[in-house]
Protein backbone atom coordinates (compact mmCIF):
# COMPACT_ATOMS: atom_id res chain seq x y z
CA MET A 1 106.52 102.94 -119.35
CA LYS A 2 106.60 101.81 -122.95
CA GLU A 3 103.22 100.99 -124.47
CA LEU A 4 102.64 97.37 -125.42
CA VAL A 5 101.09 97.00 -128.86
CA LEU A 6 99.90 93.63 -130.12
CA GLU A 7 98.60 93.14 -133.64
CA ALA A 8 95.76 90.74 -134.32
CA GLU A 9 93.69 89.62 -137.29
CA LYS A 10 89.99 88.89 -137.38
CA ARG A 11 89.10 85.27 -138.06
CA GLU A 12 85.92 83.41 -138.77
CA LEU A 13 84.65 80.77 -136.38
CA SER A 14 86.84 77.78 -137.17
CA THR A 15 86.62 74.02 -137.01
CA LYS A 16 89.10 71.90 -135.05
CA GLY A 17 90.98 71.15 -138.26
CA THR A 18 91.45 74.79 -139.23
CA VAL A 19 92.48 75.73 -135.67
CA LYS A 20 95.16 73.00 -135.66
CA GLU A 21 96.41 74.26 -139.01
CA MET A 22 96.54 77.80 -137.61
CA ARG A 23 98.66 76.66 -134.65
CA ARG A 24 101.02 74.77 -136.96
CA LYS A 25 101.66 78.09 -138.73
CA GLY A 26 102.68 79.74 -135.44
CA ARG A 27 99.43 81.58 -134.73
CA VAL A 28 97.16 81.42 -131.68
CA PRO A 29 93.35 81.68 -131.74
CA GLY A 30 91.80 84.23 -129.39
CA VAL A 31 88.80 86.41 -128.66
CA VAL A 32 88.24 89.95 -127.37
CA TYR A 33 85.06 91.03 -125.56
CA GLY A 34 83.74 93.47 -122.96
CA ASN A 35 83.08 97.21 -122.61
CA LYS A 36 79.58 96.73 -124.09
CA GLU A 37 80.91 95.76 -127.52
CA GLU A 38 80.43 92.61 -129.54
CA PRO A 39 83.03 89.85 -129.15
CA VAL A 40 85.48 89.41 -132.00
CA THR A 41 87.38 86.19 -132.75
CA LEU A 42 91.07 86.74 -133.47
CA SER A 43 94.28 85.20 -134.71
CA LEU A 44 97.60 86.34 -133.18
CA ASP A 45 101.29 85.71 -133.78
CA GLU A 46 102.49 83.37 -131.02
CA LYS A 47 105.93 84.95 -130.57
CA SER A 48 104.49 88.46 -130.24
CA LEU A 49 101.93 87.16 -127.71
CA GLN A 50 104.63 85.45 -125.65
CA LYS A 51 106.63 88.68 -125.59
CA ALA A 52 103.63 90.61 -124.27
CA ILE A 53 102.88 88.00 -121.59
CA HIS A 54 106.49 87.98 -120.33
CA SER A 55 106.87 91.74 -120.30
CA GLU A 56 107.75 93.71 -117.17
CA ARG A 57 104.07 94.10 -116.28
CA GLY A 58 103.37 90.38 -116.63
CA ARG A 59 99.79 89.12 -116.89
CA ASN A 60 98.45 92.51 -115.76
CA ALA A 61 100.05 94.43 -118.61
CA LEU A 62 97.82 96.96 -120.32
CA ILE A 63 97.96 96.05 -124.01
CA THR A 64 96.87 98.02 -127.04
CA LEU A 65 95.29 95.40 -129.29
CA GLN A 66 95.51 96.59 -132.89
CA ILE A 67 92.78 95.03 -135.06
CA ALA A 68 92.91 96.46 -138.60
CA ASN A 69 92.61 100.23 -138.02
CA THR A 70 91.10 99.95 -134.53
CA ALA A 71 93.08 100.21 -131.27
CA ASN A 72 91.57 98.50 -128.24
CA PRO A 73 93.00 98.86 -124.71
CA VAL A 74 92.74 95.36 -123.26
CA LEU A 75 93.85 93.16 -120.38
CA ILE A 76 94.57 89.45 -120.64
CA LYS A 77 91.61 87.69 -119.06
CA GLU A 78 92.51 84.03 -119.53
CA ILE A 79 95.18 81.89 -121.16
CA GLN A 80 94.55 78.23 -122.01
CA ARG A 81 97.63 76.01 -122.23
CA ASP A 82 98.39 72.44 -123.22
CA ALA A 83 98.61 70.32 -120.06
CA ILE A 84 101.86 68.66 -121.17
CA THR A 85 103.75 71.04 -123.47
CA ARG A 86 102.38 74.27 -121.86
CA ALA A 87 101.94 75.72 -125.35
CA ILE A 88 99.30 78.46 -125.59
CA LEU A 89 96.08 77.07 -127.05
CA HIS A 90 93.78 80.09 -126.72
CA VAL A 91 93.78 83.57 -125.19
CA ASP A 92 90.93 85.82 -124.01
CA PHE A 93 91.23 89.62 -123.93
CA HIS A 94 88.93 91.97 -122.04
CA ARG A 95 88.32 95.50 -123.32
CA VAL A 96 88.70 98.20 -120.65
CA SER A 97 88.15 101.91 -120.29
CA LEU A 98 91.23 103.89 -119.32
CA LYS A 99 89.05 106.08 -117.09
CA GLN A 100 87.23 103.31 -115.24
CA LYS A 101 88.69 101.29 -112.35
CA VAL A 102 88.98 97.53 -112.67
CA GLU A 103 89.80 94.67 -110.33
CA ALA A 104 92.84 92.48 -110.83
CA ALA A 105 94.78 89.72 -109.07
CA VAL A 106 98.35 90.70 -108.18
CA PRO A 107 101.04 88.25 -106.99
CA VAL A 108 102.91 88.78 -103.70
CA HIS A 109 106.68 88.29 -103.96
CA VAL A 110 108.97 87.57 -100.99
CA LYS A 111 112.00 89.87 -100.80
CA GLY A 112 115.06 89.42 -98.60
CA GLU A 113 116.06 86.63 -96.20
CA ALA A 114 114.48 86.32 -92.77
CA PRO A 115 117.01 86.00 -89.88
CA GLY A 116 114.46 83.82 -88.10
CA VAL A 117 114.98 81.30 -90.89
CA LYS A 118 118.68 81.78 -91.63
CA LEU A 119 119.97 82.05 -88.04
CA SER A 120 117.31 80.38 -85.89
CA GLY A 121 116.18 77.56 -88.16
CA GLY A 122 112.59 78.78 -88.41
CA VAL A 123 110.19 78.00 -91.26
CA LEU A 124 108.72 80.67 -93.56
CA GLU A 125 105.02 80.18 -94.29
CA HIS A 126 103.80 82.09 -97.37
CA LEU A 127 100.08 82.03 -96.61
CA VAL A 128 98.73 84.44 -99.25
CA ARG A 129 100.44 84.40 -102.65
CA GLU A 130 98.00 86.61 -104.56
CA VAL A 131 95.80 89.57 -103.58
CA ARG A 132 93.06 91.45 -105.40
CA VAL A 133 93.29 95.18 -106.02
CA ARG A 134 91.12 97.88 -107.60
CA CYS A 135 92.58 100.71 -109.66
CA LEU A 136 92.76 102.18 -113.16
CA PRO A 137 94.03 99.74 -115.81
CA SER A 138 97.23 101.72 -116.26
CA ASP A 139 97.98 101.59 -112.49
CA ILE A 140 97.82 97.82 -111.94
CA PRO A 141 101.12 96.78 -110.30
CA ALA A 142 103.00 93.81 -111.70
CA ALA A 143 103.50 92.49 -108.14
CA LEU A 144 103.56 93.53 -104.49
CA ASP A 145 106.77 92.96 -102.53
CA ALA A 146 106.86 91.64 -98.96
CA ASP A 147 110.22 92.38 -97.25
CA VAL A 148 111.07 89.65 -94.72
CA SER A 149 114.64 90.80 -93.92
CA ALA A 150 113.67 91.78 -90.34
CA LEU A 151 111.45 88.84 -89.43
CA GLN A 152 112.32 86.63 -86.45
CA ILE A 153 110.52 83.48 -85.26
CA GLY A 154 107.01 84.50 -84.25
CA SER A 155 106.99 87.58 -86.51
CA ALA A 156 104.62 88.07 -89.43
CA ILE A 157 103.72 90.37 -92.31
CA LYS A 158 100.08 91.35 -92.56
CA ALA A 159 98.18 92.95 -95.42
CA ARG A 160 98.58 96.40 -93.87
CA ASP A 161 102.39 95.96 -94.02
CA LEU A 162 102.45 95.63 -97.83
CA LYS A 163 103.63 98.67 -99.78
CA ILE A 164 100.62 99.62 -101.92
CA PRO A 165 101.24 102.12 -104.76
CA ALA A 166 99.26 105.35 -104.88
CA GLY A 167 95.88 105.00 -106.54
CA VAL A 168 95.65 101.26 -105.78
CA GLU A 169 93.07 99.89 -103.34
CA LEU A 170 93.75 96.56 -101.60
CA LEU A 171 90.63 94.36 -101.51
CA LEU A 172 91.70 92.36 -98.45
CA ASP A 173 91.30 92.57 -94.69
CA LEU A 174 94.25 94.62 -93.45
CA GLU A 175 94.79 92.17 -90.56
CA ALA A 176 95.05 89.17 -92.90
CA MET A 177 98.37 87.39 -92.41
CA ILE A 178 100.50 87.19 -95.57
CA ILE A 179 103.77 85.67 -94.31
CA ASN A 180 104.63 84.06 -90.97
CA ILE A 181 107.87 82.71 -89.42
CA VAL A 182 107.27 79.70 -87.20
CA ALA A 183 109.57 77.61 -85.02
CA PRO A 184 110.67 74.26 -86.48
CA THR A 185 109.01 71.06 -85.29
CA ILE A 186 111.48 68.81 -83.45
CA LEU A 187 110.72 65.09 -83.37
CA GLU A 188 112.24 63.42 -80.27
CA GLU A 189 113.28 59.77 -80.36
CA PRO A 190 111.50 57.62 -77.74
CA THR A 191 113.60 56.62 -74.68
CA ALA A 192 114.25 52.97 -73.71
CA GLU A 193 111.77 53.27 -70.81
CA ALA A 194 109.05 54.67 -73.10
CA ALA A 195 109.68 51.90 -75.65
CA ALA A 196 109.42 49.22 -72.92
CA THR A 197 106.15 50.72 -71.65
CA ALA A 198 104.74 50.76 -75.17
CA THR A 199 105.72 47.11 -75.66
CA ALA A 200 104.13 46.05 -72.36
CA ALA A 201 100.92 47.82 -73.29
CA GLU A 202 100.50 45.83 -76.49
CA PRO A 203 97.34 43.64 -76.35
CA GLU A 204 97.62 39.86 -76.38
CA VAL A 205 97.00 38.38 -79.81
CA ILE A 206 94.48 35.53 -79.76
CA LYS A 207 94.96 32.95 -82.49
CA LYS A 208 92.02 32.34 -84.73
CA GLY A 209 91.33 30.22 -87.74
CA LYS A 210 92.38 26.68 -88.52
CA VAL A 211 94.32 24.60 -86.02
CA GLU A 212 97.89 23.94 -87.08
CA GLU A 213 98.88 20.49 -88.36
CA GLY A 214 100.07 18.39 -85.37
CA GLU A 215 97.81 20.26 -82.99
CA GLU A 216 94.86 18.89 -84.93
CA GLY A 217 95.92 15.28 -84.15
CA LEU A 218 96.27 16.05 -80.46
CA VAL A 219 92.83 17.59 -80.29
CA ALA A 220 91.29 14.64 -82.14
CA GLY A 221 92.95 12.11 -79.80
CA ALA A 222 91.85 13.97 -76.70
CA THR A 223 88.22 14.23 -77.73
CA ALA A 224 87.76 10.63 -79.06
CA LYS A 225 85.79 8.40 -76.62
CA ALA A 226 86.19 4.66 -76.08
CA PRO A 227 83.02 2.49 -76.51
CA ALA A 228 80.90 2.28 -73.36
CA ALA A 229 81.51 -0.88 -71.24
CA GLY A 230 78.91 -3.58 -71.48
CA LYS A 231 77.34 -2.44 -74.70
CA PRO A 232 76.50 -5.19 -77.17
CA GLY A 233 78.92 -5.55 -80.07
CA ALA A 234 81.65 -3.58 -78.42
CA ALA A 235 84.98 -5.30 -79.06
CA PRO A 236 87.33 -5.65 -76.10
CA ALA A 237 90.54 -3.73 -76.24
CA ALA A 238 93.63 -5.55 -77.53
CA GLY A 239 95.20 -7.70 -74.80
CA ALA A 240 92.21 -7.38 -72.46
CA LYS A 241 90.50 -10.48 -71.06
CA ALA A 242 86.92 -11.13 -72.08
CA SER A 243 84.52 -10.65 -69.21
CA ALA A 244 82.90 -13.77 -67.67
CA PRO A 245 79.21 -14.38 -68.46
CA ALA A 246 76.73 -13.42 -65.82
CA ALA A 247 75.52 -16.07 -63.33
CA GLY A 248 72.95 -18.41 -64.93
CA ALA A 249 73.66 -17.28 -68.43
CA LYS A 250 74.35 -19.95 -71.07
CA PRO A 251 77.56 -19.85 -72.97
CA ALA A 252 77.43 -18.59 -76.51
CA SER A 253 78.38 -22.08 -77.80
CA GLU A 254 75.21 -23.57 -76.30
CA ALA A 255 72.88 -21.45 -78.29
CA LYS A 256 69.42 -22.90 -78.99
CA LYS A 257 69.46 -25.43 -81.79
CA PRO A 258 66.78 -25.44 -84.47
CA GLU A 259 63.80 -27.72 -83.81
CA GLY A 260 63.58 -31.09 -85.58
CA LYS A 261 67.28 -31.57 -85.82
């Protein structure tokens, strides 16, 4: 496979203003560290960086980072992007030894079309989309393929079913499920009898709060009491005859006159 070479320039620690100016000129700030060497801040051409990232090996590509007269075998450790434009803001490289194994995350790609999905209406569940491996930097696969062309409903692909290249160690339980084909969930419409039962089971709603206008007048009329009979000062009802005075009682008109008159 063709070697990927990426040229970079050393840069001094920059302020926000100088970094923005660098990006306007089509360059990306970065840093390289690891392998027991001092970190070095860098400036890279954005187009060349994009080409390396989107190469056949992807994010796991082994890159020869050329800094002045020094060649450094590196892997891309981290890429920072703008949340909206997705432009590259910063990149981290990690120095590696070509004779020492490293760990890397490798994506799992689905290959083929499952008959359990196409013919039986099943649903494909992609449970694990990335696995970790250990190998030499030059042996890191770009991806691992999972062939689903023979999967029916109820079938699955486990970690042990993945095709692992020679010299690559899979850092995952071999019984871990990667892909599964499950039966579709069918939602049944309720029958008329079930709907009637559900309606009958609804609890009675008790009204609370203020009494409605009209009801308030009825309640007030029902609870009002007439004056007690025989109480002094109580006026007789309209149209009712005044009660006769008790035996021996003087009429009101014969009230006691003042003395000396």
